[in-house]
PDB file of N, CA and C in Angstrom:
ATOM      1  N   UNK A   1     -46.959 -11.461 -56.763  1.00  0.00           N
ATOM      2  CA  UNK A   1     -46.399 -10.330 -57.482  1.00  0.00           C
ATOM      3  C   UNK A   1     -44.894 -10.567 -57.626  1.00  0.00           C
ATOM      4  N   UNK A   2     -44.383 -10.506 -58.829  1.00  0.00           N
ATOM      5  CA  UNK A   2     -42.947 -10.693 -59.025  1.00  0.00           C
ATOM      6  C   UNK A   2     -42.215  -9.354 -58.950  1.00  0.00           C
ATOM      7  N   UNK A   3     -40.901  -9.412 -59.061  1.00  0.00           N
ATOM      8  CA  UNK A   3     -40.115  -8.182 -58.896  1.00  0.00           C
ATOM      9  C   UNK A   3     -40.386  -7.167 -59.997  1.00  0.00           C
ATOM     10  N   UNK A   4     -40.685  -7.636 -61.206  1.00  0.00           N
ATOM     11  CA  UNK A   4     -40.988  -6.692 -62.294  1.00  0.00           C
ATOM     12  C   UNK A   4     -42.263  -5.917 -61.993  1.00  0.00           C
ATOM     13  N   UNK A   5     -43.256  -6.584 -61.424  1.00  0.00           N
ATOM     14  CA  UNK A   5     -44.498  -5.903 -61.065  1.00  0.00           C
ATOM     15  C   UNK A   5     -44.260  -4.860 -59.984  1.00  0.00           C
ATOM     16  N   UNK A   6     -43.410  -5.165 -59.027  1.00  0.00           N
ATOM     17  CA  UNK A   6     -43.147  -4.229 -57.942  1.00  0.00           C
ATOM     18  C   UNK A   6     -42.409  -2.992 -58.438  1.00  0.00           C
ATOM     19  N   UNK A   7     -41.574  -3.165 -59.440  1.00  0.00           N
ATOM     20  CA  UNK A   7     -40.775  -2.030 -59.892  1.00  0.00           C
ATOM     21  C   UNK A   7     -41.615  -0.981 -60.617  1.00  0.00           C
ATOM     22  N   UNK A   8     -42.734  -1.372 -61.217  1.00  0.00           N
ATOM     23  CA  UNK A   8     -43.574  -0.398 -61.911  1.00  0.00           C
ATOM     24  C   UNK A   8     -44.765   0.040 -61.060  1.00  0.00           C
ATOM     25  N   UNK A   9     -44.936  -0.555 -59.904  1.00  0.00           N
ATOM     26  CA  UNK A   9     -46.068  -0.217 -59.050  1.00  0.00           C
ATOM     27  C   UNK A   9     -46.066   1.229 -58.612  1.00  0.00           C
ATOM     28  N   UNK A  10     -44.920   1.741 -58.232  1.00  0.00           N
ATOM     29  CA  UNK A  10     -44.855   3.141 -57.791  1.00  0.00           C
ATOM     30  C   UNK A  10     -45.071   4.102 -58.952  1.00  0.00           C
ATOM     31  N   UNK A  11     -44.671   3.702 -60.154  1.00  0.00           N
ATOM     32  CA  UNK A  11     -44.917   4.541 -61.330  1.00  0.00           C
ATOM     33  C   UNK A  11     -46.411   4.581 -61.635  1.00  0.00           C
ATOM     34  N   UNK A  12     -47.047   3.419 -61.555  1.00  0.00           N
ATOM     35  CA  UNK A  12     -48.488   3.349 -61.798  1.00  0.00           C
ATOM     36  C   UNK A  12     -49.239   4.230 -60.806  1.00  0.00           C
ATOM     37  N   UNK A  13     -48.877   4.150 -59.549  1.00  0.00           N
ATOM     38  CA  UNK A  13     -49.537   4.959 -58.527  1.00  0.00           C
ATOM     39  C   UNK A  13     -49.318   6.452 -58.785  1.00  0.00           C
ATOM     40  N   UNK A  14     -48.106   6.822 -59.180  1.00  0.00           N
ATOM     41  CA  UNK A  14     -47.808   8.234 -59.451  1.00  0.00           C
ATOM     42  C   UNK A  14     -48.633   8.756 -60.624  1.00  0.00           C
ATOM     43  N   UNK A  15     -48.781   7.950 -61.649  1.00  0.00           N
ATOM     44  CA  UNK A  15     -49.584   8.367 -62.807  1.00  0.00           C
ATOM     45  C   UNK A  15     -51.042   8.503 -62.411  1.00  0.00           C
ATOM     46  N   UNK A  16     -51.548   7.565 -61.636  1.00  0.00           N
ATOM     47  CA  UNK A  16     -52.951   7.623 -61.218  1.00  0.00           C
ATOM     48  C   UNK A  16     -53.231   8.842 -60.335  1.00  0.00           C
ATOM     49  N   UNK A  17     -52.257   9.273 -59.559  1.00  0.00           N
ATOM     50  CA  UNK A  17     -52.448  10.460 -58.727  1.00  0.00           C
ATOM     51  C   UNK A  17     -52.493  11.736 -59.549  1.00  0.00           C
ATOM     52  N   UNK A  18     -51.756  11.774 -60.640  1.00  0.00           N
ATOM     53  CA  UNK A  18     -51.594  13.018 -61.392  1.00  0.00           C
ATOM     54  C   UNK A  18     -52.599  13.224 -62.514  1.00  0.00           C
ATOM     55  N   UNK A  19     -53.235  12.166 -62.960  1.00  0.00           N
ATOM     56  CA  UNK A  19     -54.120  12.278 -64.110  1.00  0.00           C
ATOM     57  C   UNK A  19     -55.514  11.781 -63.773  1.00  0.00           C
ATOM     58  N   UNK A  20     -56.489  12.392 -64.390  1.00  0.00           N
ATOM     59  CA  UNK A  20     -57.873  11.930 -64.260  1.00  0.00           C
ATOM     60  C   UNK A  20     -58.136  10.938 -65.383  1.00  0.00           C
ATOM     61  N   UNK A  21     -58.791   9.857 -65.062  1.00  0.00           N
ATOM     62  CA  UNK A  21     -59.113   8.849 -66.054  1.00  0.00           C
ATOM     63  C   UNK A  21     -60.599   8.918 -66.357  1.00  0.00           C
ATOM     64  N   UNK A  22     -60.919   8.972 -67.624  1.00  0.00           N
ATOM     65  CA  UNK A  22     -62.304   9.070 -68.069  1.00  0.00           C
ATOM     66  C   UNK A  22     -62.683   7.756 -68.730  1.00  0.00           C
ATOM     67  N   UNK A  23     -63.761   7.152 -68.262  1.00  0.00           N
ATOM     68  CA  UNK A  23     -64.246   5.921 -68.867  1.00  0.00           C
ATOM     69  C   UNK A  23     -64.986   6.252 -70.153  1.00  0.00           C
ATOM     70  N   UNK A  24     -64.639   5.550 -71.209  1.00  0.00           N
ATOM     71  CA  UNK A  24     -65.277   5.749 -72.506  1.00  0.00           C
ATOM     72  C   UNK A  24     -66.042   4.478 -72.832  1.00  0.00           C
ATOM     73  N   UNK A  25     -67.354   4.585 -72.813  1.00  0.00           N
ATOM     74  CA  UNK A  25     -68.206   3.431 -73.071  1.00  0.00           C
ATOM     75  C   UNK A  25     -68.647   3.425 -74.529  1.00  0.00           C
ATOM     76  N   UNK A  26     -68.937   2.244 -75.064  1.00  0.00           N
ATOM     77  CA  UNK A  26     -69.386   2.177 -76.457  1.00  0.00           C
ATOM     78  C   UNK A  26     -70.768   2.785 -76.626  1.00  0.00           C
ATOM     79  N   UNK A  27     -71.022   3.305 -77.812  1.00  0.00           N
ATOM     80  CA  UNK A  27     -72.341   3.866 -78.093  1.00  0.00           C
ATOM     81  C   UNK A  27     -73.337   2.736 -78.342  1.00  0.00           C
ATOM     82  N   UNK A  28     -74.594   3.051 -78.280  1.00  0.00           N
ATOM     83  CA  UNK A  28     -75.643   2.074 -78.535  1.00  0.00           C
ATOM     84  C   UNK A  28     -75.684   1.779 -80.035  1.00  0.00           C
ATOM     85  N   UNK A  29     -75.628   0.504 -80.400  1.00  0.00           N
ATOM     86  CA  UNK A  29     -75.536   0.127 -81.804  1.00  0.00           C
ATOM     87  C   UNK A  29     -76.839  -0.433 -82.364  1.00  0.00           C
ATOM     88  N   UNK A  30     -77.945  -0.196 -81.704  1.00  0.00           N
ATOM     89  CA  UNK A  30     -79.205  -0.780 -82.163  1.00  0.00           C
ATOM     90  C   UNK A  30     -79.573  -0.341 -83.576  1.00  0.00           C
ATOM     91  N   UNK A  31     -79.211   0.864 -83.959  1.00  0.00           N
ATOM     92  CA  UNK A  31     -79.556   1.343 -85.296  1.00  0.00           C
ATOM     93  C   UNK A  31     -78.768   0.624 -86.386  1.00  0.00           C
ATOM     94  N   UNK A  32     -77.667  -0.014 -86.030  1.00  0.00           N
ATOM     95  CA  UNK A  32     -76.831  -0.694 -87.011  1.00  0.00           C
ATOM     96  C   UNK A  32     -77.088  -2.200 -87.081  1.00  0.00           C
ATOM     97  N   UNK A  33     -78.053  -2.695 -86.345  1.00  0.00           N
ATOM     98  CA  UNK A  33     -78.322  -4.128 -86.318  1.00  0.00           C
ATOM     99  C   UNK A  33     -78.958  -4.590 -87.618  1.00  0.00           C
ATOM    100  N   UNK A  34     -78.596  -5.785 -88.034  1.00  0.00           N
ATOM    101  CA  UNK A  34     -79.174  -6.387 -89.237  1.00  0.00           C
ATOM    102  C   UNK A  34     -80.437  -7.155 -88.856  1.00  0.00           C
ATOM    103  N   UNK A  35     -81.224  -7.543 -89.868  1.00  0.00           N
ATOM    104  CA  UNK A  35     -82.481  -8.257 -89.618  1.00  0.00           C
ATOM    105  C   UNK A  35     -82.263  -9.610 -88.949  1.00  0.00           C
ATOM    106  N   UNK A  36     -81.164 -10.296 -89.275  1.00  0.00           N
ATOM    107  CA  UNK A  36     -80.931 -11.626 -88.721  1.00  0.00           C
ATOM    108  C   UNK A  36     -80.117 -11.596 -87.427  1.00  0.00           C
ATOM    109  N   UNK A  37     -79.933 -10.430 -86.878  1.00  0.00           N
ATOM    110  CA  UNK A  37     -79.138 -10.289 -85.661  1.00  0.00           C
ATOM    111  C   UNK A  37     -79.896 -10.853 -84.466  1.00  0.00           C
ATOM    112  N   UNK A  38     -79.195 -11.544 -83.599  1.00  0.00           N
ATOM    113  CA  UNK A  38     -79.792 -12.154 -82.408  1.00  0.00           C
ATOM    114  C   UNK A  38     -79.867 -11.120 -81.284  1.00  0.00           C
ATOM    115  N   UNK A  39     -80.979 -10.436 -81.202  1.00  0.00           N
ATOM    116  CA  UNK A  39     -81.141  -9.349 -80.236  1.00  0.00           C
ATOM    117  C   UNK A  39     -81.081  -9.876 -78.806  1.00  0.00           C
ATOM    118  N   UNK A  40     -81.692 -11.026 -78.546  1.00  0.00           N
ATOM    119  CA  UNK A  40     -81.683 -11.581 -77.190  1.00  0.00           C
ATOM    120  C   UNK A  40     -80.265 -11.917 -76.738  1.00  0.00           C
ATOM    121  N   UNK A  41     -79.507 -12.553 -77.622  1.00  0.00           N
ATOM    122  CA  UNK A  41     -78.130 -12.902 -77.286  1.00  0.00           C
ATOM    123  C   UNK A  41     -77.292 -11.644 -77.069  1.00  0.00           C
ATOM    124  N   UNK A  42     -77.499 -10.658 -77.909  1.00  0.00           N
ATOM    125  CA  UNK A  42     -76.774  -9.397 -77.763  1.00  0.00           C
ATOM    126  C   UNK A  42     -77.086  -8.753 -76.417  1.00  0.00           C
ATOM    127  N   UNK A  43     -78.337  -8.768 -76.016  1.00  0.00           N
ATOM    128  CA  UNK A  43     -78.736  -8.170 -74.735  1.00  0.00           C
ATOM    129  C   UNK A  43     -78.079  -8.897 -73.568  1.00  0.00           C
ATOM    130  N   UNK A  44     -78.001 -10.232 -73.646  1.00  0.00           N
ATOM    131  CA  UNK A  44     -77.359 -11.001 -72.574  1.00  0.00           C
ATOM    132  C   UNK A  44     -75.873 -10.665 -72.470  1.00  0.00           C
ATOM    133  N   UNK A  45     -75.205 -10.625 -73.606  1.00  0.00           N
ATOM    134  CA  UNK A  45     -73.776 -10.307 -73.601  1.00  0.00           C
ATOM    135  C   UNK A  45     -73.548  -8.877 -73.115  1.00  0.00           C
ATOM    136  N   UNK A  46     -74.365  -7.952 -73.566  1.00  0.00           N
ATOM    137  CA  UNK A  46     -74.231  -6.557 -73.134  1.00  0.00           C
ATOM    138  C   UNK A  46     -74.429  -6.429 -71.628  1.00  0.00           C
ATOM    139  N   UNK A  47     -75.376  -7.175 -71.074  1.00  0.00           N
ATOM    140  CA  UNK A  47     -75.603  -7.103 -69.626  1.00  0.00           C
ATOM    141  C   UNK A  47     -74.409  -7.651 -68.854  1.00  0.00           C
ATOM    142  N   UNK A  48     -73.731  -8.660 -69.396  1.00  0.00           N
ATOM    143  CA  UNK A  48     -72.526  -9.173 -68.740  1.00  0.00           C
ATOM    144  C   UNK A  48     -71.435  -8.108 -68.698  1.00  0.00           C
ATOM    145  N   UNK A  49     -71.274  -7.387 -69.791  1.00  0.00           N
ATOM    146  CA  UNK A  49     -70.277  -6.319 -69.807  1.00  0.00           C
ATOM    147  C   UNK A  49     -70.634  -5.224 -68.811  1.00  0.00           C
ATOM    148  N   UNK A  50     -71.900  -4.880 -68.727  1.00  0.00           N
ATOM    149  CA  UNK A  50     -72.329  -3.832 -67.802  1.00  0.00           C
ATOM    150  C   UNK A  50     -72.103  -4.267 -66.359  1.00  0.00           C
ATOM    151  N   UNK A  51     -72.454  -5.518 -66.036  1.00  0.00           N
ATOM    152  CA  UNK A  51     -72.241  -6.024 -64.676  1.00  0.00           C
ATOM    153  C   UNK A  51     -70.758  -6.024 -64.329  1.00  0.00           C
ATOM    154  N   UNK A  52     -69.927  -6.496 -65.240  1.00  0.00           N
ATOM    155  CA  UNK A  52     -68.491  -6.543 -64.980  1.00  0.00           C
ATOM    156  C   UNK A  52     -67.886  -5.151 -64.936  1.00  0.00           C
ATOM    157  N   UNK A  53     -68.436  -4.222 -65.678  1.00  0.00           N
ATOM    158  CA  UNK A  53     -67.946  -2.847 -65.628  1.00  0.00           C
ATOM    159  C   UNK A  53     -68.165  -2.269 -64.233  1.00  0.00           C
ATOM    160  N   UNK A  54     -69.323  -2.527 -63.659  1.00  0.00           N
ATOM    161  CA  UNK A  54     -69.606  -2.025 -62.317  1.00  0.00           C
ATOM    162  C   UNK A  54     -68.638  -2.614 -61.299  1.00  0.00           C
ATOM    163  N   UNK A  55     -68.347  -3.906 -61.418  1.00  0.00           N
ATOM    164  CA  UNK A  55     -67.406  -4.553 -60.503  1.00  0.00           C
ATOM    165  C   UNK A  55     -66.014  -3.958 -60.677  1.00  0.00           C
ATOM    166  N   UNK A  56     -65.587  -3.761 -61.919  1.00  0.00           N
ATOM    167  CA  UNK A  56     -64.268  -3.178 -62.175  1.00  0.00           C
ATOM    168  C   UNK A  56     -64.188  -1.758 -61.628  1.00  0.00           C
ATOM    169  N   UNK A  57     -65.267  -1.013 -61.731  1.00  0.00           N
ATOM    170  CA  UNK A  57     -65.286   0.349 -61.209  1.00  0.00           C
ATOM    171  C   UNK A  57     -65.140   0.347 -59.688  1.00  0.00           C
ATOM    172  N   UNK A  58     -65.812  -0.557 -59.025  1.00  0.00           N
ATOM    173  CA  UNK A  58     -65.709  -0.663 -57.564  1.00  0.00           C
ATOM    174  C   UNK A  58     -64.283  -1.012 -57.163  1.00  0.00           C
ATOM    175  N   UNK A  59     -63.689  -1.963 -57.871  1.00  0.00           N
ATOM    176  CA  UNK A  59     -62.314  -2.354 -57.560  1.00  0.00           C
ATOM    177  C   UNK A  59     -61.367  -1.180 -57.781  1.00  0.00           C
ATOM    178  N   UNK A  60     -61.552  -0.453 -58.876  1.00  0.00           N
ATOM    179  CA  UNK A  60     -60.690   0.684 -59.169  1.00  0.00           C
ATOM    180  C   UNK A  60     -60.846   1.772 -58.115  1.00  0.00           C
ATOM    181  N   UNK A  61     -62.059   2.008 -57.642  1.00  0.00           N
ATOM    182  CA  UNK A  61     -62.276   3.044 -56.635  1.00  0.00           C
ATOM    183  C   UNK A  61     -61.611   2.675 -55.316  1.00  0.00           C
ATOM    184  N   UNK A  62     -61.519   1.384 -55.014  1.00  0.00           N
ATOM    185  CA  UNK A  62     -60.850   0.960 -53.779  1.00  0.00           C
ATOM    186  C   UNK A  62     -59.354   1.208 -53.839  1.00  0.00           C
ATOM    187  N   UNK A  63     -58.796   1.278 -55.058  1.00  0.00           N
ATOM    188  CA  UNK A  63     -57.359   1.519 -55.205  1.00  0.00           C
ATOM    189  C   UNK A  63     -57.007   2.954 -54.865  1.00  0.00           C
ATOM    190  N   UNK A  64     -57.960   3.867 -54.947  1.00  0.00           N
ATOM    191  CA  UNK A  64     -57.677   5.274 -54.669  1.00  0.00           C
ATOM    192  C   UNK A  64     -57.573   5.427 -53.207  1.00  0.00           C
TER     193      UNK A  64
END
């Protein structure tokens, strides 16, 4: 962590204490898929985002 990171750390903590953060997830786009769309590939990529979202949520909760 460099000095610039340390100088905004207390501001970040103060903002996180005072405000509630709401996660906004994307809507399901299955109705907008085209005929040539790779559904299997889309499902794999979507699952990666979901897995990483859970990890990010756990990390964020530990910061509180």
